[in-house]
Amino acid sequence: MRITKVTTKTGDNGTTALGDGAKVSKSDIRISCIGEVDELNSFIGNVKVVVTDKDLVQELIGIQNNLLNLGGELSIPGGSLELLKNISIIELESNIEKMNKELPSLKEFILPGEDELSARLHIARSVCRRVERNIVRLIEEENGRNIWIKYLNRLSDYLFVLARFHVVKNDIFENQWSKR
């Protein structure tokens, strides 16, 4: 899809077009999910700007592309478009496994905010969880591919583990929940 004009004024009445041309309300759950996936993509970009490791930047760019694929699928009801692939989930799982091998066991909940990168990762993780919940609702109400839920679930795990990995790798004290 090529965007040749950003300001079309066609949405001024509270409707928008899906990828198949169908007009829907901007409050439609599918449009909300597309917007939330876009928001998550922006938060991943917000993480990326403070990352100095070139390999990690490439991983994050891959995630951003996967999120655009997910948004593309959401824009065409009926499940005819399959852009998000299972290999993307396998890659996340592989990266999680590699990082987890170098992490101490988790004994309590983590308090987000140890440094700028880990804080941004935790925000992206919590946004990812919200997107996942709403995608589940969309699939329950309409239709969709289960891979959307699986990818978002794994992505939130990845972001959590990446935040921990960064903190531990950089010898930053990892604050954990205290029952006080």
N, C-alpha and C. Protein backbone atom coordinates (compact mmCIF):
# COMPACT_ATOMS: atom_id res chain seq x y z
N MET A 1 0.84 -1.18 0.00
CA MET A 1 0.00 0.00 0.00
C MET A 1 0.89 1.23 0.00
N ARG A 2 0.60 2.13 -0.88
CA ARG A 2 1.34 3.39 -0.95
C ARG A 2 0.45 4.51 -0.48
N ILE A 3 0.99 5.34 0.38
CA ILE A 3 0.24 6.50 0.87
C ILE A 3 0.72 7.71 0.08
N THR A 4 -0.16 8.25 -0.71
CA THR A 4 0.22 9.40 -1.53
C THR A 4 -0.29 10.71 -0.94
N LYS A 5 -1.29 10.61 -0.08
CA LYS A 5 -1.86 11.80 0.52
C LYS A 5 -2.26 11.47 1.95
N VAL A 6 -1.74 12.22 2.92
CA VAL A 6 -2.04 11.95 4.32
C VAL A 6 -3.36 12.60 4.73
N THR A 7 -3.57 13.85 4.38
CA THR A 7 -4.79 14.55 4.74
C THR A 7 -5.83 14.35 3.65
N THR A 8 -6.77 13.41 3.93
CA THR A 8 -7.81 13.12 2.93
C THR A 8 -9.16 13.71 3.33
N LYS A 9 -9.33 14.01 4.61
CA LYS A 9 -10.57 14.55 5.19
C LYS A 9 -11.72 13.55 5.15
N THR A 10 -11.46 12.32 4.71
CA THR A 10 -12.54 11.33 4.65
C THR A 10 -12.92 10.83 6.03
N GLY A 11 -12.08 11.02 7.01
CA GLY A 11 -12.38 10.57 8.37
C GLY A 11 -12.99 11.64 9.25
N ASP A 12 -13.29 12.77 8.68
CA ASP A 12 -13.82 13.88 9.47
C ASP A 12 -15.20 13.60 10.06
N ASN A 13 -15.88 12.59 9.56
CA ASN A 13 -17.20 12.26 10.09
C ASN A 13 -17.15 11.10 11.09
N GLY A 14 -15.94 10.69 11.50
CA GLY A 14 -15.81 9.63 12.49
C GLY A 14 -15.75 8.23 11.92
N THR A 15 -15.56 8.13 10.62
CA THR A 15 -15.41 6.81 10.00
C THR A 15 -14.05 6.72 9.33
N THR A 16 -13.67 5.51 9.03
CA THR A 16 -12.42 5.27 8.32
C THR A 16 -12.60 4.03 7.45
N ALA A 17 -11.70 3.83 6.53
CA ALA A 17 -11.79 2.68 5.63
C ALA A 17 -10.79 1.61 6.06
N LEU A 18 -11.24 0.38 6.01
CA LEU A 18 -10.34 -0.75 6.21
C LEU A 18 -9.60 -1.02 4.90
N GLY A 19 -8.67 -1.93 4.95
CA GLY A 19 -7.88 -2.25 3.77
C GLY A 19 -8.68 -2.81 2.61
N ASP A 20 -9.85 -3.37 2.92
CA ASP A 20 -10.71 -3.90 1.85
C ASP A 20 -11.71 -2.87 1.34
N GLY A 21 -11.61 -1.62 1.85
CA GLY A 21 -12.48 -0.55 1.41
C GLY A 21 -13.73 -0.35 2.25
N ALA A 22 -14.03 -1.30 3.15
CA ALA A 22 -15.22 -1.17 4.00
C ALA A 22 -15.07 0.02 4.94
N LYS A 23 -16.14 0.80 5.08
CA LYS A 23 -16.15 1.94 5.99
C LYS A 23 -16.64 1.47 7.36
N VAL A 24 -15.92 1.86 8.40
CA VAL A 24 -16.31 1.52 9.77
C VAL A 24 -16.10 2.74 10.66
N SER A 25 -16.74 2.70 11.81
CA SER A 25 -16.57 3.76 12.80
C SER A 25 -15.15 3.72 13.34
N LYS A 26 -14.61 4.87 13.65
CA LYS A 26 -13.28 4.92 14.25
C LYS A 26 -13.27 4.32 15.65
N SER A 27 -14.46 4.08 16.22
CA SER A 27 -14.54 3.43 17.53
C SER A 27 -14.65 1.92 17.42
N ASP A 28 -14.67 1.39 16.22
CA ASP A 28 -14.74 -0.05 15.98
C ASP A 28 -13.57 -0.75 16.65
N ILE A 29 -13.80 -1.92 17.22
CA ILE A 29 -12.74 -2.65 17.94
C ILE A 29 -11.55 -2.95 17.02
N ARG A 30 -11.82 -3.24 15.77
CA ARG A 30 -10.73 -3.54 14.84
C ARG A 30 -9.84 -2.30 14.65
N ILE A 31 -10.46 -1.13 14.53
CA ILE A 31 -9.70 0.11 14.38
C ILE A 31 -8.93 0.40 15.66
N SER A 32 -9.55 0.15 16.81
CA SER A 32 -8.84 0.32 18.09
C SER A 32 -7.61 -0.56 18.15
N CYS A 33 -7.75 -1.82 17.73
CA CYS A 33 -6.61 -2.74 17.74
C CYS A 33 -5.51 -2.29 16.79
N ILE A 34 -5.90 -1.83 15.60
CA ILE A 34 -4.91 -1.32 14.65
C ILE A 34 -4.15 -0.15 15.27
N GLY A 35 -4.88 0.75 15.91
CA GLY A 35 -4.25 1.90 16.56
C GLY A 35 -3.34 1.51 17.70
N GLU A 36 -3.74 0.49 18.47
CA GLU A 36 -2.90 0.04 19.58
C GLU A 36 -1.63 -0.65 19.09
N VAL A 37 -1.74 -1.40 18.00
CA VAL A 37 -0.55 -2.01 17.41
C VAL A 37 0.41 -0.91 16.93
N ASP A 38 -0.15 0.14 16.35
CA ASP A 38 0.65 1.29 15.93
C ASP A 38 1.31 1.96 17.13
N GLU A 39 0.56 2.10 18.21
CA GLU A 39 1.11 2.68 19.44
C GLU A 39 2.26 1.83 19.98
N LEU A 40 2.08 0.52 19.99
CA LEU A 40 3.13 -0.38 20.45
C LEU A 40 4.36 -0.24 19.56
N ASN A 41 4.16 -0.14 18.26
CA ASN A 41 5.27 0.04 17.34
C ASN A 41 6.04 1.32 17.67
N SER A 42 5.30 2.38 18.00
CA SER A 42 5.94 3.64 18.38
C SER A 42 6.74 3.49 19.67
N PHE A 43 6.21 2.73 20.62
CA PHE A 43 6.95 2.51 21.86
C PHE A 43 8.22 1.68 21.62
N ILE A 44 8.15 0.73 20.69
CA ILE A 44 9.37 -0.02 20.33
C ILE A 44 10.38 0.96 19.71
N GLY A 45 9.93 1.88 18.90
CA GLY A 45 10.80 2.92 18.36
C GLY A 45 11.39 3.78 19.46
N ASN A 46 10.60 4.04 20.50
CA ASN A 46 11.07 4.81 21.65
C ASN A 46 12.17 4.06 22.40
N VAL A 47 12.06 2.76 22.45
CA VAL A 47 13.12 1.92 23.04
C VAL A 47 14.37 2.00 22.17
N LYS A 48 14.16 1.85 20.88
CA LYS A 48 15.26 1.74 19.92
C LYS A 48 16.21 2.94 19.96
N VAL A 49 15.68 4.14 20.22
CA VAL A 49 16.52 5.33 20.15
C VAL A 49 17.56 5.41 21.27
N VAL A 50 17.41 4.60 22.31
CA VAL A 50 18.42 4.61 23.38
C VAL A 50 19.30 3.36 23.38
N VAL A 51 19.11 2.50 22.37
CA VAL A 51 19.89 1.27 22.27
C VAL A 51 21.17 1.56 21.48
N THR A 52 22.31 1.12 22.02
CA THR A 52 23.59 1.32 21.34
C THR A 52 24.08 0.06 20.63
N ASP A 53 23.56 -1.10 21.00
CA ASP A 53 23.95 -2.37 20.39
C ASP A 53 23.29 -2.51 19.02
N LYS A 54 24.10 -2.56 17.96
CA LYS A 54 23.57 -2.61 16.59
C LYS A 54 22.73 -3.86 16.32
N ASP A 55 23.13 -5.00 16.91
CA ASP A 55 22.35 -6.22 16.72
C ASP A 55 20.97 -6.10 17.35
N LEU A 56 20.91 -5.51 18.53
CA LEU A 56 19.63 -5.32 19.20
C LEU A 56 18.76 -4.34 18.41
N VAL A 57 19.36 -3.30 17.86
CA VAL A 57 18.59 -2.36 17.03
C VAL A 57 17.95 -3.13 15.87
N GLN A 58 18.69 -4.04 15.25
CA GLN A 58 18.15 -4.82 14.14
C GLN A 58 17.01 -5.73 14.60
N GLU A 59 17.14 -6.32 15.80
CA GLU A 59 16.05 -7.13 16.35
C GLU A 59 14.80 -6.28 16.52
N LEU A 60 14.98 -5.07 17.05
CA LEU A 60 13.84 -4.19 17.28
C LEU A 60 13.21 -3.75 15.97
N ILE A 61 14.02 -3.51 14.95
CA ILE A 61 13.48 -3.17 13.63
C ILE A 61 12.66 -4.34 13.08
N GLY A 62 13.15 -5.55 13.30
CA GLY A 62 12.39 -6.75 12.89
C GLY A 62 11.05 -6.82 13.59
N ILE A 63 11.03 -6.50 14.87
CA ILE A 63 9.78 -6.49 15.64
C ILE A 63 8.84 -5.41 15.08
N GLN A 64 9.39 -4.25 14.77
CA GLN A 64 8.55 -3.18 14.20
C GLN A 64 7.94 -3.62 12.87
N ASN A 65 8.70 -4.31 12.05
CA ASN A 65 8.16 -4.82 10.79
C ASN A 65 7.06 -5.86 11.04
N ASN A 66 7.27 -6.72 12.04
CA ASN A 66 6.24 -7.70 12.38
C ASN A 66 4.96 -7.02 12.85
N LEU A 67 5.11 -5.93 13.61
CA LEU A 67 3.93 -5.21 14.07
C LEU A 67 3.20 -4.54 12.91
N LEU A 68 3.94 -4.05 11.92
CA LEU A 68 3.30 -3.52 10.72
C LEU A 68 2.57 -4.62 9.96
N ASN A 69 3.17 -5.81 9.92
CA ASN A 69 2.50 -6.96 9.29
C ASN A 69 1.20 -7.29 10.03
N LEU A 70 1.26 -7.28 11.36
CA LEU A 70 0.07 -7.54 12.17
C LEU A 70 -1.00 -6.49 11.88
N GLY A 71 -0.62 -5.23 11.86
CA GLY A 71 -1.57 -4.16 11.55
C GLY A 71 -2.18 -4.33 10.17
N GLY A 72 -1.35 -4.75 9.21
CA GLY A 72 -1.86 -5.01 7.87
C GLY A 72 -2.91 -6.11 7.86
N GLU A 73 -2.65 -7.16 8.59
CA GLU A 73 -3.62 -8.25 8.68
C GLU A 73 -4.91 -7.77 9.32
N LEU A 74 -4.79 -6.96 10.36
CA LEU A 74 -5.97 -6.45 11.04
C LEU A 74 -6.82 -5.58 10.12
N SER A 75 -6.19 -4.93 9.16
CA SER A 75 -6.92 -4.01 8.29
C SER A 75 -7.76 -4.71 7.23
N ILE A 76 -7.58 -6.02 7.08
CA ILE A 76 -8.35 -6.80 6.10
C ILE A 76 -9.13 -7.88 6.85
N PRO A 77 -10.40 -7.62 7.18
CA PRO A 77 -11.19 -8.64 7.89
C PRO A 77 -11.33 -9.91 7.04
N GLY A 78 -11.47 -11.02 7.72
CA GLY A 78 -11.68 -12.28 7.01
C GLY A 78 -10.48 -13.18 6.99
N GLY A 79 -9.34 -12.69 7.42
CA GLY A 79 -8.16 -13.54 7.54
C GLY A 79 -7.51 -13.94 6.23
N SER A 80 -7.78 -13.22 5.14
CA SER A 80 -7.20 -13.60 3.86
C SER A 80 -5.75 -13.17 3.72
N LEU A 81 -5.31 -12.22 4.53
CA LEU A 81 -3.95 -11.72 4.46
C LEU A 81 -3.13 -12.34 5.60
N GLU A 82 -2.06 -13.05 5.26
CA GLU A 82 -1.23 -13.70 6.27
C GLU A 82 0.20 -13.21 6.15
N LEU A 83 0.47 -12.07 6.76
CA LEU A 83 1.80 -11.46 6.70
C LEU A 83 2.68 -11.87 7.88
N LEU A 84 2.08 -12.06 9.05
CA LEU A 84 2.82 -12.44 10.24
C LEU A 84 3.08 -13.95 10.19
N LYS A 85 4.35 -14.32 10.30
CA LYS A 85 4.74 -15.71 10.14
C LYS A 85 5.18 -16.33 11.46
N ASN A 86 5.04 -17.64 11.57
CA ASN A 86 5.41 -18.37 12.77
C ASN A 86 6.90 -18.23 13.09
N ILE A 87 7.74 -18.04 12.07
CA ILE A 87 9.18 -17.88 12.29
C ILE A 87 9.46 -16.70 13.21
N SER A 88 8.60 -15.69 13.18
CA SER A 88 8.78 -14.52 14.05
C SER A 88 8.62 -14.90 15.52
N ILE A 89 7.72 -15.82 15.81
CA ILE A 89 7.54 -16.31 17.18
C ILE A 89 8.75 -17.15 17.57
N ILE A 90 9.21 -17.99 16.67
CA ILE A 90 10.37 -18.85 16.95
C ILE A 90 11.60 -17.99 17.25
N GLU A 91 11.78 -16.90 16.51
CA GLU A 91 12.92 -16.00 16.75
C GLU A 91 12.83 -15.36 18.14
N LEU A 92 11.63 -14.91 18.53
CA LEU A 92 11.46 -14.34 19.87
C LEU A 92 11.79 -15.38 20.93
N GLU A 93 11.27 -16.59 20.76
CA GLU A 93 11.51 -17.65 21.74
C GLU A 93 13.00 -17.97 21.85
N SER A 94 13.69 -18.00 20.73
CA SER A 94 15.13 -18.27 20.73
C SER A 94 15.89 -17.18 21.48
N ASN A 95 15.53 -15.93 21.22
CA ASN A 95 16.19 -14.82 21.92
C ASN A 95 15.90 -14.84 23.41
N ILE A 96 14.67 -15.17 23.78
CA ILE A 96 14.31 -15.27 25.20
C ILE A 96 15.16 -16.36 25.87
N GLU A 97 15.25 -17.49 25.21
CA GLU A 97 16.00 -18.62 25.77
C GLU A 97 17.47 -18.26 25.98
N LYS A 98 18.08 -17.59 24.99
CA LYS A 98 19.49 -17.18 25.11
C LYS A 98 19.69 -16.24 26.29
N MET A 99 18.83 -15.26 26.43
CA MET A 99 18.97 -14.30 27.52
C MET A 99 18.71 -14.95 28.87
N ASN A 100 17.70 -15.80 28.95
CA ASN A 100 17.34 -16.43 30.21
C ASN A 100 18.47 -17.29 30.77
N LYS A 101 19.29 -17.86 29.89
CA LYS A 101 20.41 -18.68 30.34
C LYS A 101 21.41 -17.88 31.17
N GLU A 102 21.43 -16.56 30.98
CA GLU A 102 22.38 -15.70 31.68
C GLU A 102 21.75 -14.93 32.84
N LEU A 103 20.49 -15.22 33.14
CA LEU A 103 19.80 -14.47 34.19
C LEU A 103 19.61 -15.32 35.44
N PRO A 104 19.70 -14.68 36.61
CA PRO A 104 19.37 -15.40 37.83
C PRO A 104 17.87 -15.68 37.88
N SER A 105 17.49 -16.68 38.66
CA SER A 105 16.08 -17.00 38.81
C SER A 105 15.33 -15.80 39.37
N LEU A 106 14.13 -15.66 38.93
CA LEU A 106 13.28 -14.58 39.40
C LEU A 106 12.57 -15.04 40.67
N LYS A 107 12.75 -14.28 41.75
CA LYS A 107 12.15 -14.67 43.03
C LYS A 107 10.90 -13.86 43.35
N GLU A 108 10.82 -12.65 42.86
CA GLU A 108 9.69 -11.76 43.11
C GLU A 108 9.40 -10.95 41.85
N PHE A 109 8.32 -10.17 41.90
CA PHE A 109 8.02 -9.25 40.81
C PHE A 109 9.10 -8.20 40.72
N ILE A 110 9.32 -7.69 39.53
CA ILE A 110 10.32 -6.64 39.28
C ILE A 110 9.63 -5.28 39.37
N LEU A 111 10.31 -4.32 39.97
CA LEU A 111 9.84 -2.94 39.96
C LEU A 111 10.48 -2.25 38.77
N PRO A 112 9.70 -1.88 37.75
CA PRO A 112 10.27 -1.25 36.57
C PRO A 112 10.93 0.09 36.89
N GLY A 113 11.95 0.44 36.10
CA GLY A 113 12.53 1.78 36.21
C GLY A 113 13.94 1.83 36.72
N GLU A 114 14.73 0.82 36.44
CA GLU A 114 16.12 0.81 36.93
C GLU A 114 17.01 1.78 36.19
N ASP A 115 16.75 1.96 34.91
CA ASP A 115 17.45 2.96 34.10
C ASP A 115 16.56 3.27 32.90
N GLU A 116 17.00 4.17 32.04
CA GLU A 116 16.14 4.61 30.95
C GLU A 116 15.73 3.48 30.02
N LEU A 117 16.67 2.65 29.60
CA LEU A 117 16.34 1.58 28.67
C LEU A 117 15.38 0.57 29.29
N SER A 118 15.67 0.13 30.50
CA SER A 118 14.78 -0.87 31.12
C SER A 118 13.39 -0.29 31.37
N ALA A 119 13.31 0.99 31.74
CA ALA A 119 12.00 1.62 31.95
C ALA A 119 11.21 1.66 30.65
N ARG A 120 11.87 2.02 29.56
CA ARG A 120 11.20 2.06 28.26
C ARG A 120 10.75 0.67 27.83
N LEU A 121 11.57 -0.34 28.10
CA LEU A 121 11.19 -1.71 27.76
C LEU A 121 9.96 -2.15 28.55
N HIS A 122 9.90 -1.79 29.83
CA HIS A 122 8.75 -2.17 30.64
C HIS A 122 7.48 -1.45 30.19
N ILE A 123 7.59 -0.20 29.75
CA ILE A 123 6.42 0.50 29.21
C ILE A 123 5.95 -0.21 27.94
N ALA A 124 6.88 -0.53 27.05
CA ALA A 124 6.52 -1.24 25.82
C ALA A 124 5.88 -2.59 26.15
N ARG A 125 6.40 -3.27 27.17
CA ARG A 125 5.84 -4.56 27.58
C ARG A 125 4.41 -4.41 28.07
N SER A 126 4.15 -3.40 28.88
CA SER A 126 2.79 -3.24 29.40
C SER A 126 1.82 -2.80 28.30
N VAL A 127 2.28 -2.00 27.36
CA VAL A 127 1.44 -1.64 26.21
C VAL A 127 1.16 -2.89 25.38
N CYS A 128 2.16 -3.73 25.20
CA CYS A 128 2.00 -4.98 24.46
C CYS A 128 0.93 -5.86 25.10
N ARG A 129 0.92 -5.94 26.42
CA ARG A 129 -0.09 -6.74 27.12
C ARG A 129 -1.50 -6.19 26.88
N ARG A 130 -1.64 -4.85 26.85
CA ARG A 130 -2.94 -4.24 26.57
C ARG A 130 -3.40 -4.58 25.16
N VAL A 131 -2.47 -4.46 24.21
CA VAL A 131 -2.80 -4.80 22.82
C VAL A 131 -3.25 -6.25 22.74
N GLU A 132 -2.53 -7.12 23.41
CA GLU A 132 -2.87 -8.55 23.41
C GLU A 132 -4.29 -8.77 23.94
N ARG A 133 -4.64 -8.12 25.05
CA ARG A 133 -5.98 -8.29 25.62
C ARG A 133 -7.06 -7.86 24.63
N ASN A 134 -6.81 -6.75 23.95
CA ASN A 134 -7.82 -6.26 23.01
C ASN A 134 -7.89 -7.08 21.73
N ILE A 135 -6.77 -7.65 21.32
CA ILE A 135 -6.79 -8.56 20.17
C ILE A 135 -7.59 -9.81 20.53
N VAL A 136 -7.44 -10.30 21.76
CA VAL A 136 -8.24 -11.44 22.20
C VAL A 136 -9.73 -11.09 22.10
N ARG A 137 -10.09 -9.90 22.57
CA ARG A 137 -11.49 -9.46 22.50
C ARG A 137 -11.96 -9.40 21.03
N LEU A 138 -11.12 -8.86 20.15
CA LEU A 138 -11.48 -8.79 18.74
C LEU A 138 -11.75 -10.18 18.18
N ILE A 139 -10.88 -11.11 18.48
CA ILE A 139 -11.04 -12.47 17.96
C ILE A 139 -12.29 -13.13 18.53
N GLU A 140 -12.60 -12.85 19.80
CA GLU A 140 -13.82 -13.39 20.41
C GLU A 140 -15.07 -12.80 19.74
N GLU A 141 -15.03 -11.52 19.38
CA GLU A 141 -16.20 -10.85 18.81
C GLU A 141 -16.32 -11.02 17.30
N GLU A 142 -15.21 -11.08 16.63
CA GLU A 142 -15.25 -11.15 15.16
C GLU A 142 -14.50 -12.38 14.69
N ASN A 143 -13.32 -12.16 14.17
CA ASN A 143 -12.48 -13.26 13.72
C ASN A 143 -11.04 -12.79 13.73
N GLY A 144 -10.16 -13.70 13.48
CA GLY A 144 -8.74 -13.35 13.44
C GLY A 144 -7.90 -14.60 13.55
N ARG A 145 -6.61 -14.39 13.49
CA ARG A 145 -5.67 -15.51 13.56
C ARG A 145 -5.09 -15.62 14.96
N ASN A 146 -5.03 -16.83 15.47
CA ASN A 146 -4.48 -17.06 16.80
C ASN A 146 -3.01 -16.65 16.88
N ILE A 147 -2.31 -16.61 15.76
CA ILE A 147 -0.90 -16.22 15.75
C ILE A 147 -0.73 -14.79 16.27
N TRP A 148 -1.76 -13.95 16.12
CA TRP A 148 -1.67 -12.57 16.63
C TRP A 148 -1.48 -12.59 18.15
N ILE A 149 -2.29 -13.40 18.82
CA ILE A 149 -2.21 -13.50 20.28
C ILE A 149 -0.88 -14.10 20.69
N LYS A 150 -0.51 -15.17 20.02
CA LYS A 150 0.74 -15.86 20.35
C LYS A 150 1.95 -14.94 20.17
N TYR A 151 1.97 -14.18 19.07
CA TYR A 151 3.09 -13.27 18.83
C TYR A 151 3.16 -12.20 19.91
N LEU A 152 2.04 -11.59 20.22
CA LEU A 152 2.04 -10.52 21.23
C LEU A 152 2.38 -11.07 22.62
N ASN A 153 1.90 -12.25 22.93
CA ASN A 153 2.24 -12.87 24.21
C ASN A 153 3.74 -13.11 24.32
N ARG A 154 4.32 -13.64 23.26
CA ARG A 154 5.76 -13.89 23.25
C ARG A 154 6.55 -12.59 23.23
N LEU A 155 6.05 -11.58 22.51
CA LEU A 155 6.74 -10.29 22.47
C LEU A 155 6.79 -9.65 23.85
N SER A 156 5.71 -9.72 24.60
CA SER A 156 5.74 -9.13 25.94
C SER A 156 6.72 -9.89 26.83
N ASP A 157 6.80 -11.21 26.67
CA ASP A 157 7.80 -11.99 27.41
C ASP A 157 9.21 -11.53 27.03
N TYR A 158 9.43 -11.36 25.74
CA TYR A 158 10.73 -10.93 25.22
C TYR A 158 11.12 -9.58 25.81
N LEU A 159 10.20 -8.63 25.81
CA LEU A 159 10.50 -7.29 26.33
C LEU A 159 10.82 -7.34 27.82
N PHE A 160 10.11 -8.18 28.57
CA PHE A 160 10.38 -8.34 30.00
C PHE A 160 11.78 -8.92 30.22
N VAL A 161 12.07 -10.00 29.52
CA VAL A 161 13.37 -10.66 29.67
C VAL A 161 14.50 -9.74 29.20
N LEU A 162 14.26 -9.01 28.12
CA LEU A 162 15.27 -8.08 27.63
C LEU A 162 15.56 -6.98 28.66
N ALA A 163 14.54 -6.48 29.34
CA ALA A 163 14.74 -5.48 30.39
C ALA A 163 15.59 -6.06 31.52
N ARG A 164 15.28 -7.27 31.94
CA ARG A 164 16.07 -7.93 32.99
C ARG A 164 17.49 -8.18 32.52
N PHE A 165 17.63 -8.67 31.30
CA PHE A 165 18.95 -8.97 30.75
C PHE A 165 19.82 -7.73 30.73
N HIS A 166 19.26 -6.62 30.28
CA HIS A 166 19.99 -5.36 30.23
C HIS A 166 20.46 -4.95 31.64
N VAL A 167 19.57 -5.03 32.60
CA VAL A 167 19.89 -4.62 33.97
C VAL A 167 21.00 -5.50 34.54
N VAL A 168 20.86 -6.80 34.41
CA VAL A 168 21.85 -7.73 34.97
C VAL A 168 23.19 -7.58 34.24
N LYS A 169 23.15 -7.50 32.92
CA LYS A 169 24.37 -7.37 32.11
C LYS A 169 25.16 -6.11 32.47
N ASN A 170 24.47 -5.07 32.85
CA ASN A 170 25.12 -3.81 33.18
C ASN A 170 25.29 -3.58 34.68
N ASP A 171 25.18 -4.66 35.45
CA ASP A 171 25.36 -4.61 36.91
C ASP A 171 24.54 -3.53 37.59
N ILE A 172 23.31 -3.40 37.15
CA ILE A 172 22.37 -2.46 37.77
C ILE A 172 21.53 -3.25 38.76
N PHE A 173 21.35 -2.71 39.93
CA PHE A 173 20.56 -3.39 40.96
C PHE A 173 19.12 -3.56 40.47
N GLU A 174 18.62 -4.78 40.54
CA GLU A 174 17.27 -5.09 40.10
C GLU A 174 16.33 -5.05 41.30
N ASN A 175 15.56 -3.96 41.40
CA ASN A 175 14.61 -3.84 42.50
C ASN A 175 13.47 -4.83 42.33
N GLN A 176 13.21 -5.57 43.40
CA GLN A 176 12.12 -6.51 43.37
C GLN A 176 11.07 -6.12 44.41
N TRP A 177 9.89 -6.60 44.20
CA TRP A 177 8.76 -6.31 45.07
C TRP A 177 9.08 -6.68 46.50
N SER A 178 8.71 -5.81 47.41
CA SER A 178 8.86 -6.06 48.84
C SER A 178 7.47 -5.95 49.47
N LYS A 179 7.08 -6.96 50.20
CA LYS A 179 5.73 -7.00 50.79
C LYS A 179 5.56 -5.99 51.91
N ARG A 180 6.65 -5.52 52.47
CA ARG A 180 6.67 -4.54 53.57
C ARG A 180 5.64 -4.79 54.59
